[in-house]
Amino acid sequence: MNPKPTLTAELIAEFLGTFVLILFGTGVVAMAVLFPSKNTGETIHGGFTNITMGWGLGVTMGIYIAGKVSGAHLNPAVTLAFAVFRGFPWRKVLPYSLAQTAGAFVAAALVYWNYLPAFRQVDPQLERTAGIFTTFPAFPGLPQAGFLDQTIGTALLVLLVFAIIDEFNSPPGANLAPAMIGLVVVAIGMSFGGMHGYAINPARDLGPRLFTVFAGFRNNGLTDGTHVWWIPVVAPLLGGLAGAAIYDFGIRRYLRPS
């Protein structure tokens, strides 16, 4: 029998799982943004559909990496929901969240390094491409719209994660849960991806945003005076709790054996 993973092992798994998730996610956005057609200016490597698929596949691969060791939360909103509704140890919530954020930061740095020649060609002053790494509201004058969007999106995410992995429900067999959760992320992106970029994950947004500040991006949402950074941090935490509560009080209580 394999020994129970230590906290250090769990944190490494959360770091690596989130690292891979962000590599695929920000990588696919970089492909769409940094390689416009010389004739039309439009992307030559796919548009929003590619982006949603890339993020969904990134989530799937990250879960496959970390799932056996840490549970593959890869998202502070998921970690918080598990602490409130599934007995996840509170002492691990902050370390998990920090590991996830660190993994996202390092992944953003690697994507930037890989695409540095393209950044120098397309946006040499780093004035308009921070959106490759982090999210911004579609309507800057209506931040509450982005807050609602992030709350709804993360509520859907956690609601469906809880449904997919619930042993009392009808969980997918043959280790298909990561693929199903990845498809959930694709669906959320396609249905709720416009208002604030569907971060639905504080670490996914804050880690790369901190990197954009470090790398000197001017439109970073943290030091540029817009102060939009808190929306994809706070709203997903609230949305995750809402989604977990909806599942537990709306579905799970009817599934438990008497």
C-alpha atoms as a PDB file:
ATOM      1  CA  MET A   1       0.000   0.000   0.000  1.00  0.00           C
ATOM      2  CA  ASN A   2       1.300   3.415  -0.945  1.00  0.00           C
ATOM      3  CA  PRO A   3       1.744   5.779   2.011  1.00  0.00           C
ATOM      4  CA  LYS A   4      -0.598   8.730   2.329  1.00  0.00           C
ATOM      5  CA  PRO A   5       0.887  11.761   0.537  1.00  0.00           C
ATOM      6  CA  THR A   6       2.476  14.373   2.748  1.00  0.00           C
ATOM      7  CA  LEU A   7       1.363  17.983   2.609  1.00  0.00           C
ATOM      8  CA  THR A   8       4.539  18.779   0.689  1.00  0.00           C
ATOM      9  CA  ALA A   9       3.654  16.167  -1.925  1.00  0.00           C
ATOM     10  CA  GLU A  10       0.143  17.560  -2.182  1.00  0.00           C
ATOM     11  CA  LEU A  11       1.423  21.097  -2.656  1.00  0.00           C
ATOM     12  CA  ILE A  12       3.837  19.974  -5.365  1.00  0.00           C
ATOM     13  CA  ALA A  13       0.954  18.226  -7.111  1.00  0.00           C
ATOM     14  CA  GLU A  14      -1.231  21.343  -6.897  1.00  0.00           C
ATOM     15  CA  PHE A  15       1.641  23.465  -8.198  1.00  0.00           C
ATOM     16  CA  LEU A  16       2.331  21.163 -11.151  1.00  0.00           C
ATOM     17  CA  GLY A  17      -1.316  20.563 -11.983  1.00  0.00           C
ATOM     18  CA  THR A  18      -2.045  24.290 -12.054  1.00  0.00           C
ATOM     19  CA  PHE A  19       1.212  24.898 -13.907  1.00  0.00           C
ATOM     20  CA  VAL A  20       0.138  22.584 -16.725  1.00  0.00           C
ATOM     21  CA  LEU A  21      -3.381  24.040 -16.749  1.00  0.00           C
ATOM     22  CA  ILE A  22      -2.054  27.569 -17.204  1.00  0.00           C
ATOM     23  CA  LEU A  23       0.534  26.502 -19.773  1.00  0.00           C
ATOM     24  CA  PHE A  24      -2.199  25.200 -22.041  1.00  0.00           C
ATOM     25  CA  GLY A  25      -4.645  27.997 -21.225  1.00  0.00           C
ATOM     26  CA  THR A  26      -2.404  31.009 -21.683  1.00  0.00           C
ATOM     27  CA  GLY A  27      -0.558  29.250 -24.471  1.00  0.00           C
ATOM     28  CA  VAL A  28      -3.684  28.901 -26.577  1.00  0.00           C
ATOM     29  CA  VAL A  29      -4.568  32.573 -26.001  1.00  0.00           C
ATOM     30  CA  ALA A  30      -1.049  33.559 -27.051  1.00  0.00           C
ATOM     31  CA  MET A  31      -1.484  31.560 -30.241  1.00  0.00           C
ATOM     32  CA  ALA A  32      -4.721  33.380 -31.012  1.00  0.00           C
ATOM     33  CA  VAL A  33      -3.468  36.883 -30.197  1.00  0.00           C
ATOM     34  CA  LEU A  34       0.175  37.000 -31.232  1.00  0.00           C
ATOM     35  CA  PHE A  35      -0.059  35.625 -34.768  1.00  0.00           C
ATOM     36  CA  PRO A  36      -2.460  37.812 -36.776  1.00  0.00           C
ATOM     37  CA  SER A  37      -2.729  37.471 -40.523  1.00  0.00           C
ATOM     38  CA  LYS A  38      -0.643  40.061 -42.344  1.00  0.00           C
ATOM     39  CA  ASN A  39      -3.477  40.554 -44.815  1.00  0.00           C
ATOM     40  CA  THR A  40      -6.565  40.746 -42.615  1.00  0.00           C
ATOM     41  CA  GLY A  41      -5.200  41.238 -39.112  1.00  0.00           C
ATOM     42  CA  GLU A  42      -7.322  38.333 -37.904  1.00  0.00           C
ATOM     43  CA  THR A  43      -5.822  35.415 -36.059  1.00  0.00           C
ATOM     44  CA  ILE A  44      -4.419  32.575 -38.137  1.00  0.00           C
ATOM     45  CA  HIS A  45      -4.430  30.068 -35.271  1.00  0.00           C
ATOM     46  CA  GLY A  46      -8.100  29.939 -34.352  1.00  0.00           C
ATOM     47  CA  GLY A  47     -10.363  32.156 -32.316  1.00  0.00           C
ATOM     48  CA  PHE A  48     -12.546  31.866 -29.246  1.00  0.00           C
ATOM     49  CA  THR A  49     -13.527  28.246 -29.879  1.00  0.00           C
ATOM     50  CA  ASN A  50      -9.873  27.263 -29.831  1.00  0.00           C
ATOM     51  CA  ILE A  51      -9.407  29.210 -26.615  1.00  0.00           C
ATOM     52  CA  THR A  52     -12.269  27.465 -24.828  1.00  0.00           C
ATOM     53  CA  MET A  53     -11.048  24.063 -26.008  1.00  0.00           C
ATOM     54  CA  GLY A  54      -7.489  24.842 -24.935  1.00  0.00           C
ATOM     55  CA  TRP A  55      -8.567  25.851 -21.443  1.00  0.00           C
ATOM     56  CA  GLY A  56     -10.788  22.797 -21.099  1.00  0.00           C
ATOM     57  CA  LEU A  57      -8.010  20.443 -22.187  1.00  0.00           C
ATOM     58  CA  GLY A  58      -5.609  22.232 -19.851  1.00  0.00           C
ATOM     59  CA  VAL A  59      -7.949  21.573 -16.927  1.00  0.00           C
ATOM     60  CA  THR A  60      -8.241  17.912 -17.925  1.00  0.00           C
ATOM     61  CA  MET A  61      -4.473  17.414 -18.138  1.00  0.00           C
ATOM     62  CA  GLY A  62      -3.875  19.251 -14.872  1.00  0.00           C
ATOM     63  CA  ILE A  63      -6.369  17.024 -13.069  1.00  0.00           C
ATOM     64  CA  TYR A  64      -4.797  13.877 -14.486  1.00  0.00           C
ATOM     65  CA  ILE A  65      -1.426  15.040 -13.153  1.00  0.00           C
ATOM     66  CA  ALA A  66      -2.462  15.979  -9.627  1.00  0.00           C
ATOM     67  CA  GLY A  67      -5.621  13.994  -8.968  1.00  0.00           C
ATOM     68  CA  LYS A  68      -4.190  10.963  -7.205  1.00  0.00           C
ATOM     69  CA  VAL A  69      -1.913  12.950  -4.892  1.00  0.00           C
ATOM     70  CA  SER A  70      -3.812  16.119  -3.962  1.00  0.00           C
ATOM     71  CA  GLY A  71      -7.297  15.719  -5.362  1.00  0.00           C
ATOM     72  CA  ALA A  72      -6.422  18.205  -8.113  1.00  0.00           C
ATOM     73  CA  HIS A  73      -8.299  21.223  -6.841  1.00  0.00           C
ATOM     74  CA  LEU A  74      -6.158  23.563  -8.993  1.00  0.00           C
ATOM     75  CA  ASN A  75      -8.433  26.398  -7.918  1.00  0.00           C
ATOM     76  CA  PRO A  76      -8.815  28.190  -4.554  1.00  0.00           C
ATOM     77  CA  ALA A  77     -12.576  28.395  -5.118  1.00  0.00           C
ATOM     78  CA  VAL A  78     -12.714  24.601  -5.324  1.00  0.00           C
ATOM     79  CA  THR A  79     -10.455  24.242  -2.289  1.00  0.00           C
ATOM     80  CA  LEU A  80     -12.650  26.593  -0.253  1.00  0.00           C
ATOM     81  CA  ALA A  81     -15.817  24.771  -1.313  1.00  0.00           C
ATOM     82  CA  PHE A  82     -14.290  21.435  -0.299  1.00  0.00           C
ATOM     83  CA  ALA A  83     -13.320  22.871   3.081  1.00  0.00           C
ATOM     84  CA  VAL A  84     -16.841  24.163   3.743  1.00  0.00           C
ATOM     85  CA  PHE A  85     -18.859  21.278   2.316  1.00  0.00           C
ATOM     86  CA  ARG A  86     -16.593  18.198   2.192  1.00  0.00           C
ATOM     87  CA  GLY A  87     -14.461  18.361   5.317  1.00  0.00           C
ATOM     88  CA  PHE A  88     -11.234  19.311   3.579  1.00  0.00           C
ATOM     89  CA  PRO A  89      -8.791  20.398   6.316  1.00  0.00           C
ATOM     90  CA  TRP A  90      -8.844  24.144   6.844  1.00  0.00           C
ATOM     91  CA  ARG A  91      -5.143  24.151   7.635  1.00  0.00           C
ATOM     92  CA  LYS A  92      -4.496  23.177   3.981  1.00  0.00           C
ATOM     93  CA  VAL A  93      -6.663  25.835   2.351  1.00  0.00           C
ATOM     94  CA  LEU A  94      -4.090  28.632   2.319  1.00  0.00           C
ATOM     95  CA  PRO A  95      -1.124  26.392   1.376  1.00  0.00           C
ATOM     96  CA  TYR A  96      -3.121  24.863  -1.486  1.00  0.00           C
ATOM     97  CA  SER A  97      -4.149  28.307  -2.702  1.00  0.00           C
ATOM     98  CA  LEU A  98      -0.587  29.605  -2.577  1.00  0.00           C
ATOM     99  CA  ALA A  99       0.737  26.551  -4.441  1.00  0.00           C
ATOM    100  CA  GLN A 100      -1.925  26.982  -7.113  1.00  0.00           C
ATOM    101  CA  THR A 101      -1.151  30.677  -7.508  1.00  0.00           C
ATOM    102  CA  ALA A 102       2.582  29.992  -7.683  1.00  0.00           C
ATOM    103  CA  GLY A 103       2.058  27.339 -10.346  1.00  0.00           C
ATOM    104  CA  ALA A 104       0.007  29.801 -12.383  1.00  0.00           C
ATOM    105  CA  PHE A 105       2.674  32.511 -12.001  1.00  0.00           C
ATOM    106  CA  VAL A 106       5.493  30.254 -13.186  1.00  0.00           C
ATOM    107  CA  ALA A 107       3.445  28.930 -16.093  1.00  0.00           C
ATOM    108  CA  ALA A 108       2.704  32.462 -17.265  1.00  0.00           C
ATOM    109  CA  ALA A 109       6.407  33.268 -17.087  1.00  0.00           C
ATOM    110  CA  LEU A 110       7.269  30.226 -19.217  1.00  0.00           C
ATOM    111  CA  VAL A 111       4.631  31.070 -21.834  1.00  0.00           C
ATOM    112  CA  TYR A 112       5.952  34.640 -21.992  1.00  0.00           C
ATOM    113  CA  TRP A 113       9.520  33.392 -22.379  1.00  0.00           C
ATOM    114  CA  ASN A 114       8.489  31.008 -25.151  1.00  0.00           C
ATOM    115  CA  TYR A 115       6.595  33.682 -27.087  1.00  0.00           C
ATOM    116  CA  LEU A 116       8.954  36.575 -26.343  1.00  0.00           C
ATOM    117  CA  PRO A 117       9.891  37.158 -30.014  1.00  0.00           C
ATOM    118  CA  ALA A 118       6.191  37.414 -30.884  1.00  0.00           C
ATOM    119  CA  PHE A 119       5.548  39.835 -28.030  1.00  0.00           C
ATOM    120  CA  ARG A 120       8.428  41.998 -29.242  1.00  0.00           C
ATOM    121  CA  GLN A 121       6.934  42.043 -32.732  1.00  0.00           C
ATOM    122  CA  VAL A 122       3.256  42.541 -31.875  1.00  0.00           C
ATOM    123  CA  ASP A 123       3.409  44.579 -28.641  1.00  0.00           C
ATOM    124  CA  PRO A 124       6.972  45.726 -27.970  1.00  0.00           C
ATOM    125  CA  GLN A 125       5.903  48.193 -25.251  1.00  0.00           C
ATOM    126  CA  LEU A 126       3.678  45.595 -23.522  1.00  0.00           C
ATOM    127  CA  GLU A 127       0.766  48.000 -23.594  1.00  0.00           C
ATOM    128  CA  ARG A 128      -2.123  45.809 -24.797  1.00  0.00           C
ATOM    129  CA  THR A 129      -1.425  42.083 -24.466  1.00  0.00           C
ATOM    130  CA  ALA A 130      -1.748  41.395 -20.737  1.00  0.00           C
ATOM    131  CA  GLY A 131      -5.092  39.790 -21.607  1.00  0.00           C
ATOM    132  CA  ILE A 132      -3.150  36.787 -22.854  1.00  0.00           C
ATOM    133  CA  PHE A 133      -2.419  36.003 -19.222  1.00  0.00           C
ATOM    134  CA  THR A 134      -5.233  37.470 -17.184  1.00  0.00           C
ATOM    135  CA  THR A 135      -8.824  38.670 -17.541  1.00  0.00           C
ATOM    136  CA  PHE A 136     -10.482  42.054 -17.968  1.00  0.00           C
ATOM    137  CA  PRO A 137     -14.106  43.220 -18.093  1.00  0.00           C
ATOM    138  CA  ALA A 138     -15.690  43.589 -21.515  1.00  0.00           C
ATOM    139  CA  PHE A 139     -17.423  46.737 -20.224  1.00  0.00           C
ATOM    140  CA  PRO A 140     -14.957  48.564 -17.937  1.00  0.00           C
ATOM    141  CA  GLY A 141     -17.617  50.978 -16.762  1.00  0.00           C
ATOM    142  CA  LEU A 142     -19.785  48.137 -15.428  1.00  0.00           C
ATOM    143  CA  PRO A 143     -17.588  46.120 -13.038  1.00  0.00           C
ATOM    144  CA  GLN A 144     -20.662  44.637 -11.362  1.00  0.00           C
ATOM    145  CA  ALA A 145     -21.458  42.829 -14.617  1.00  0.00           C
ATOM    146  CA  GLY A 146     -18.107  41.065 -14.485  1.00  0.00           C
ATOM    147  CA  PHE A 147     -18.660  40.235 -10.832  1.00  0.00           C
ATOM    148  CA  LEU A 148     -21.983  38.567 -11.589  1.00  0.00           C
ATOM    149  CA  ASP A 149     -20.462  36.745 -14.553  1.00  0.00           C
ATOM    150  CA  GLN A 150     -17.625  35.328 -12.462  1.00  0.00           C
ATOM    151  CA  THR A 151     -20.017  34.306  -9.699  1.00  0.00           C
ATOM    152  CA  ILE A 152     -22.327  32.456 -12.091  1.00  0.00           C
ATOM    153  CA  GLY A 153     -19.484  30.776 -13.972  1.00  0.00           C
ATOM    154  CA  THR A 154     -17.755  29.491 -10.854  1.00  0.00           C
ATOM    155  CA  ALA A 155     -21.051  28.384  -9.324  1.00  0.00           C
ATOM    156  CA  LEU A 156     -21.643  26.280 -12.429  1.00  0.00           C
ATOM    157  CA  LEU A 157     -18.116  24.898 -12.242  1.00  0.00           C
ATOM    158  CA  VAL A 158     -18.298  23.771  -8.618  1.00  0.00           C
ATOM    159  CA  LEU A 159     -21.895  22.580  -8.926  1.00  0.00           C
ATOM    160  CA  LEU A 160     -20.903  20.287 -11.774  1.00  0.00           C
ATOM    161  CA  VAL A 161     -17.605  19.201 -10.208  1.00  0.00           C
ATOM    162  CA  PHE A 162     -19.525  18.105  -7.121  1.00  0.00           C
ATOM    163  CA  ALA A 163     -22.053  16.272  -9.310  1.00  0.00           C
ATOM    164  CA  ILE A 164     -19.398  14.515 -11.394  1.00  0.00           C
ATOM    165  CA  ILE A 165     -17.307  13.245  -8.477  1.00  0.00           C
ATOM    166  CA  ASP A 166     -20.189  12.424  -6.103  1.00  0.00           C
ATOM    167  CA  GLU A 167     -20.042   8.733  -5.227  1.00  0.00           C
ATOM    168  CA  PHE A 168     -23.757   8.832  -4.405  1.00  0.00           C
ATOM    169  CA  ASN A 169     -24.634  10.163  -7.844  1.00  0.00           C
ATOM    170  CA  SER A 170     -23.678   8.546 -11.175  1.00  0.00           C
ATOM    171  CA  PRO A 171     -19.950   9.297 -11.464  1.00  0.00           C
ATOM    172  CA  PRO A 172     -18.278   8.630 -14.829  1.00  0.00           C
ATOM    173  CA  GLY A 173     -16.321   5.404 -14.973  1.00  0.00           C
ATOM    174  CA  ALA A 174     -12.859   4.505 -16.229  1.00  0.00           C
ATOM    175  CA  ASN A 175     -11.241   7.632 -14.771  1.00  0.00           C
ATOM    176  CA  LEU A 176     -13.228   9.919 -17.059  1.00  0.00           C
ATOM    177  CA  ALA A 177     -13.993  12.538 -14.409  1.00  0.00           C
ATOM    178  CA  PRO A 178     -11.067  14.803 -15.470  1.00  0.00           C
ATOM    179  CA  ALA A 179     -12.282  14.789 -19.070  1.00  0.00           C
ATOM    180  CA  MET A 180     -15.832  15.573 -17.993  1.00  0.00           C
ATOM    181  CA  ILE A 181     -14.657  18.471 -15.806  1.00  0.00           C
ATOM    182  CA  GLY A 182     -12.614  19.767 -18.736  1.00  0.00           C
ATOM    183  CA  LEU A 183     -15.765  19.730 -20.861  1.00  0.00           C
ATOM    184  CA  VAL A 184     -17.539  21.693 -18.138  1.00  0.00           C
ATOM    185  CA  VAL A 185     -14.875  24.399 -18.477  1.00  0.00           C
ATOM    186  CA  VAL A 186     -15.317  24.390 -22.263  1.00  0.00           C
ATOM    187  CA  ALA A 187     -19.083  24.805 -21.854  1.00  0.00           C
ATOM    188  CA  ILE A 188     -18.683  27.643 -19.343  1.00  0.00           C
ATOM    189  CA  GLY A 189     -16.277  29.413 -21.670  1.00  0.00           C
ATOM    190  CA  MET A 190     -18.622  29.087 -24.640  1.00  0.00           C
ATOM    191  CA  SER A 191     -21.661  30.197 -22.642  1.00  0.00           C
ATOM    192  CA  PHE A 192     -20.234  32.690 -20.129  1.00  0.00           C
ATOM    193  CA  GLY A 193     -16.866  33.698 -21.523  1.00  0.00           C
ATOM    194  CA  GLY A 194     -17.572  37.189 -22.755  1.00  0.00           C
ATOM    195  CA  MET A 195     -18.176  39.465 -19.793  1.00  0.00           C
ATOM    196  CA  HIS A 196     -14.934  38.922 -17.876  1.00  0.00           C
ATOM    197  CA  GLY A 197     -12.944  36.223 -19.632  1.00  0.00           C
ATOM    198  CA  TYR A 198     -14.299  33.390 -17.450  1.00  0.00           C
ATOM    199  CA  ALA A 199     -11.380  33.170 -15.047  1.00  0.00           C
ATOM    200  CA  ILE A 200     -13.593  31.161 -12.610  1.00  0.00           C
ATOM    201  CA  ASN A 201     -10.424  30.556 -10.607  1.00  0.00           C
ATOM    202  CA  PRO A 202      -8.615  33.105  -8.386  1.00  0.00           C
ATOM    203  CA  ALA A 203      -5.220  31.430  -8.852  1.00  0.00           C
ATOM    204  CA  ARG A 204      -5.614  31.194 -12.619  1.00  0.00           C
ATOM    205  CA  ASP A 205      -6.159  34.957 -12.746  1.00  0.00           C
ATOM    206  CA  LEU A 206      -4.065  36.369  -9.908  1.00  0.00           C
ATOM    207  CA  GLY A 207      -0.908  34.320 -10.510  1.00  0.00           C
ATOM    208  CA  PRO A 208      -0.528  35.380 -14.172  1.00  0.00           C
ATOM    209  CA  ARG A 209      -1.634  38.928 -13.305  1.00  0.00           C
ATOM    210  CA  LEU A 210       1.172  39.195 -10.772  1.00  0.00           C
ATOM    211  CA  PHE A 211       3.509  38.005 -13.491  1.00  0.00           C
ATOM    212  CA  THR A 212       2.310  40.733 -15.856  1.00  0.00           C
ATOM    213  CA  VAL A 213       3.171  43.304 -13.195  1.00  0.00           C
ATOM    214  CA  PHE A 214       6.595  41.709 -12.713  1.00  0.00           C
ATOM    215  CA  ALA A 215       7.230  41.602 -16.485  1.00  0.00           C
ATOM    216  CA  GLY A 216       6.222  45.237 -17.009  1.00  0.00           C
ATOM    217  CA  PHE A 217       2.878  44.947 -18.789  1.00  0.00           C
ATOM    218  CA  ARG A 218       1.178  48.303 -18.510  1.00  0.00           C
ATOM    219  CA  ASN A 219      -2.445  47.201 -18.801  1.00  0.00           C
ATOM    220  CA  ASN A 220      -2.307  44.705 -15.946  1.00  0.00           C
ATOM    221  CA  GLY A 221      -5.428  45.563 -13.947  1.00  0.00           C
ATOM    222  CA  LEU A 222      -3.445  45.784 -10.732  1.00  0.00           C
ATOM    223  CA  THR A 223      -1.107  48.766 -10.929  1.00  0.00           C
ATOM    224  CA  ASP A 224      -2.602  50.588 -13.939  1.00  0.00           C
ATOM    225  CA  GLY A 225      -5.323  52.337 -11.957  1.00  0.00           C
ATOM    226  CA  THR A 226      -8.234  50.189 -13.140  1.00  0.00           C
ATOM    227  CA  HIS A 227      -8.284  47.938 -10.040  1.00  0.00           C
ATOM    228  CA  VAL A 228     -10.165  45.122 -11.783  1.00  0.00           C
ATOM    229  CA  TRP A 229      -7.986  42.410 -10.266  1.00  0.00           C
ATOM    230  CA  TRP A 230     -10.257  41.730  -7.288  1.00  0.00           C
ATOM    231  CA  ILE A 231     -13.299  40.708  -9.346  1.00  0.00           C
ATOM    232  CA  PRO A 232     -11.897  37.356 -10.606  1.00  0.00           C
ATOM    233  CA  VAL A 233     -10.566  36.691  -7.098  1.00  0.00           C
ATOM    234  CA  VAL A 234     -13.548  37.457  -4.874  1.00  0.00           C
ATOM    235  CA  ALA A 235     -16.431  36.520  -7.190  1.00  0.00           C
ATOM    236  CA  PRO A 236     -15.194  32.961  -7.874  1.00  0.00           C
ATOM    237  CA  LEU A 237     -14.806  32.299  -4.157  1.00  0.00           C
ATOM    238  CA  LEU A 238     -18.422  33.333  -3.577  1.00  0.00           C
ATOM    239  CA  GLY A 239     -19.638  31.542  -6.683  1.00  0.00           C
ATOM    240  CA  GLY A 240     -17.906  28.316  -5.706  1.00  0.00           C
ATOM    241  CA  LEU A 241     -19.639  28.332  -2.330  1.00  0.00           C
ATOM    242  CA  ALA A 242     -22.970  29.030  -4.005  1.00  0.00           C
ATOM    243  CA  GLY A 243     -22.534  26.178  -6.479  1.00  0.00           C
ATOM    244  CA  ALA A 244     -21.559  23.737  -3.751  1.00  0.00           C
ATOM    245  CA  ALA A 245     -24.538  24.750  -1.624  1.00  0.00           C
ATOM    246  CA  ILE A 246     -26.932  24.388  -4.542  1.00  0.00           C
ATOM    247  CA  TYR A 247     -25.681  20.880  -5.238  1.00  0.00           C
ATOM    248  CA  ASP A 248     -25.681  19.691  -1.654  1.00  0.00           C
ATOM    249  CA  PHE A 249     -29.069  21.113  -0.678  1.00  0.00           C
ATOM    250  CA  GLY A 250     -30.708  20.610  -4.048  1.00  0.00           C
ATOM    251  CA  ILE A 251     -29.396  17.165  -5.072  1.00  0.00           C
ATOM    252  CA  ARG A 252     -27.004  15.404  -2.709  1.00  0.00           C
ATOM    253  CA  ARG A 253     -29.351  15.279   0.273  1.00  0.00           C
ATOM    254  CA  TYR A 254     -31.698  13.111  -1.805  1.00  0.00           C
ATOM    255  CA  LEU A 255     -28.914  10.714  -2.814  1.00  0.00           C
ATOM    256  CA  ARG A 256     -27.456   9.686   0.522  1.00  0.00           C
ATOM    257  CA  PRO A 257     -28.422   6.190   1.636  1.00  0.00           C
ATOM    258  CA  SER A 258     -30.764   6.144   4.627  1.00  0.00           C
END
